[in-house]
Amino acid sequence: MRQKIRFEKNIKGKKLTILESSEVDPGVVILLHEEEYNLEEVAKASIEGVQAFSQLIRRRSFFPSSDLCNKLFGNTIDFFKKDAEEKIIIEYDDVEAFPKEEAFQLEDDDVEIDKILEADGETSEDEIKEIDSGDDTPKFTPEDTSEHEN
């Protein structure tokens, strides 16, 4: 899920507003949540480090993952140092949090599938025809009293 986290400073009111938006459809972003903080406390926590910053901004209604907290912290260090900056938007795609998968490749010394199949038994067309030739249709006789008779 793609998210946009916007930090807005209100220097006169000494408040910081964090707005969380998400892309619900390609190109369609809606506001999900808004939280208000004391600007001085958040700026102080930003100086103290990522752990203090994460503990301060996390609440019941806004609880970013550790990966997102690290990204928010890293991108806002200069933002809190400069009074002139009033807004910053941080984009985050949660796919970034998942490790990259390596493409599977067979190596030259790996056993080939054909050799494995040859060891398991014959897979000729005659054998396959023999297996498929049996009639699997269930047959019932008048003496059969099972529930599946009707």
Protein backbone atom coordinates (compact mmCIF):
# COMPACT_ATOMS: atom_id res chain seq x y z
CA MET A 1 0.00 0.00 0.00
CA ARG A 2 1.36 3.39 -0.95
CA GLN A 3 1.17 6.02 1.73
CA LYS A 4 1.93 9.71 2.00
CA ILE A 5 2.75 11.07 5.43
CA ARG A 6 2.65 14.86 5.60
CA PHE A 7 4.20 16.82 8.46
CA GLU A 8 2.88 20.37 8.89
CA LYS A 9 4.30 22.84 11.40
CA ASN A 10 2.22 25.54 13.05
CA ILE A 11 5.05 27.55 14.59
CA LYS A 12 2.79 30.17 16.20
CA GLY A 13 0.60 27.53 17.82
CA LYS A 14 3.65 25.33 18.57
CA LYS A 15 1.87 22.35 17.03
CA LEU A 16 2.82 19.65 14.56
CA THR A 17 0.15 17.93 12.51
CA ILE A 18 0.83 14.57 10.90
CA LEU A 19 -1.57 13.63 8.11
CA GLU A 20 -1.63 10.06 6.83
CA SER A 21 -2.97 9.53 3.31
CA SER A 22 -3.15 6.38 1.22
CA GLU A 23 -3.52 5.53 -2.43
CA VAL A 24 -6.77 3.54 -2.69
CA ASP A 25 -6.70 3.32 -6.49
CA PRO A 26 -3.94 4.28 -8.89
CA GLY A 27 -3.83 8.08 -8.76
CA VAL A 28 -6.55 8.35 -6.07
CA VAL A 29 -5.18 9.39 -2.66
CA ILE A 30 -7.47 9.89 0.35
CA LEU A 31 -6.78 11.21 3.83
CA LEU A 32 -6.92 8.40 6.37
CA HIS A 33 -5.93 10.04 9.62
CA GLU A 34 -4.73 13.23 11.26
CA GLU A 35 -2.79 13.53 14.53
CA GLU A 36 -1.66 16.64 16.39
CA TYR A 37 1.52 16.85 18.52
CA ASN A 38 3.47 19.42 20.49
CA LEU A 39 6.06 20.73 18.02
CA GLU A 40 8.77 21.27 20.62
CA GLU A 41 8.42 17.74 22.02
CA VAL A 42 8.68 16.14 18.57
CA ALA A 43 11.68 18.30 17.64
CA LYS A 44 13.39 17.29 20.90
CA ALA A 45 12.62 13.60 20.29
CA SER A 46 14.05 13.94 16.78
CA ILE A 47 17.35 15.10 18.29
CA GLU A 48 17.35 12.20 20.80
CA GLY A 49 17.12 9.52 18.10
CA VAL A 50 14.83 7.19 16.23
CA GLN A 51 13.60 5.31 19.30
CA ALA A 52 12.49 8.44 21.16
CA PHE A 53 10.95 9.80 17.95
CA SER A 54 9.02 6.56 17.30
CA GLN A 55 7.73 6.34 20.88
CA LEU A 56 6.45 9.90 20.74
CA ILE A 57 4.64 9.77 17.40
CA ARG A 58 3.07 6.33 17.91
CA ARG A 59 -0.45 6.37 19.29
CA ARG A 60 -3.38 3.98 19.30
CA SER A 61 -4.83 5.53 16.17
CA PHE A 62 -1.50 6.17 14.40
CA PHE A 63 1.00 3.37 14.84
CA PRO A 64 3.50 3.25 11.95
CA SER A 65 5.65 0.15 11.52
CA SER A 66 9.28 0.23 12.60
CA ASP A 67 10.39 0.48 8.98
CA LEU A 68 8.10 3.46 8.39
CA CYS A 69 9.20 5.11 11.67
CA ASN A 70 12.82 4.82 10.56
CA LYS A 71 11.98 6.41 7.22
CA LEU A 72 9.96 9.21 8.86
CA PHE A 73 12.76 9.89 11.31
CA GLY A 74 15.47 9.92 8.65
CA ASN A 75 13.55 12.24 6.35
CA THR A 76 12.49 14.73 9.03
CA ILE A 77 15.78 15.37 10.88
CA ASP A 78 16.54 18.50 8.83
CA PHE A 79 12.85 19.47 8.75
CA PHE A 80 12.76 19.94 12.53
CA LYS A 81 16.07 21.85 12.54
CA LYS A 82 14.84 24.46 10.04
CA ASP A 83 12.07 26.78 11.20
CA ALA A 84 11.48 28.07 7.67
CA GLU A 85 10.25 24.68 6.43
CA GLU A 86 6.57 24.31 7.23
CA LYS A 87 5.62 21.14 5.30
CA ILE A 88 7.25 17.93 4.23
CA ILE A 89 5.69 14.94 2.50
CA ILE A 90 7.21 11.49 2.83
CA GLU A 91 6.06 8.78 0.45
CA TYR A 92 6.20 5.17 1.57
CA ASP A 93 5.31 1.93 -0.18
CA ASP A 94 5.06 -1.00 2.23
CA VAL A 95 6.63 -3.23 -0.43
CA GLU A 96 9.89 -1.57 0.65
CA ALA A 97 9.64 -3.41 3.97
CA PHE A 98 9.71 -6.88 2.39
CA PRO A 99 13.05 -8.44 1.49
CA LYS A 100 13.82 -8.90 -2.18
CA GLU A 101 13.50 -12.45 -3.49
CA GLU A 102 16.30 -13.90 -5.53
CA ALA A 103 15.45 -15.56 -8.82
CA PHE A 104 15.70 -19.34 -8.67
CA GLN A 105 18.33 -20.77 -11.00
CA LEU A 106 19.42 -24.33 -11.59
CA GLU A 107 23.15 -24.83 -11.50
CA ASP A 108 25.02 -27.19 -13.81
CA ASP A 109 25.61 -29.77 -11.09
CA ASP A 110 21.91 -29.91 -10.12
CA VAL A 111 20.01 -33.09 -10.98
CA GLU A 112 17.78 -32.68 -13.97
CA ILE A 113 14.08 -33.43 -13.66
CA ASP A 114 14.17 -35.96 -16.53
CA LYS A 115 16.72 -38.09 -14.66
CA ILE A 116 14.51 -38.06 -11.55
CA LEU A 117 11.46 -39.13 -13.55
CA GLU A 118 13.37 -41.98 -15.20
CA ALA A 119 14.33 -43.36 -11.78
CA ASP A 120 10.73 -43.26 -10.54
CA GLY A 121 9.37 -45.59 -13.19
CA GLU A 122 8.10 -45.75 -16.69
CA THR A 123 6.15 -42.84 -18.01
CA SER A 124 5.60 -44.04 -21.55
CA GLU A 125 2.34 -43.36 -23.38
CA ASP A 126 1.42 -47.08 -23.25
CA GLU A 127 1.49 -47.03 -19.44
CA ILE A 128 -0.63 -43.88 -19.32
CA LYS A 129 -3.18 -45.43 -21.72
CA GLU A 130 -3.31 -48.54 -19.55
CA ILE A 131 -4.09 -46.48 -16.46
CA ASP A 132 -6.78 -44.45 -18.25
CA SER A 133 -8.42 -47.45 -19.96
CA GLY A 134 -10.32 -48.61 -16.85
CA ASP A 135 -13.97 -47.65 -16.59
CA ASP A 136 -14.42 -45.69 -13.39
CA THR A 137 -18.21 -45.40 -13.61
CA PRO A 138 -19.84 -46.61 -10.37
CA LYS A 139 -22.15 -49.57 -10.79
CA PHE A 140 -25.00 -50.44 -8.45
CA THR A 141 -26.79 -53.75 -8.10
CA PRO A 142 -30.20 -54.45 -6.54
CA GLU A 143 -28.43 -56.00 -3.54
CA ASP A 144 -26.55 -52.75 -2.85
CA THR A 145 -28.20 -51.08 0.15
CA SER A 146 -25.87 -48.14 0.51
CA GLU A 147 -27.19 -44.61 0.99
CA HIS A 148 -25.68 -43.57 -2.33
CA GLU A 149 -27.87 -45.96 -4.30
CA ASN A 150 -30.50 -43.41 -5.28
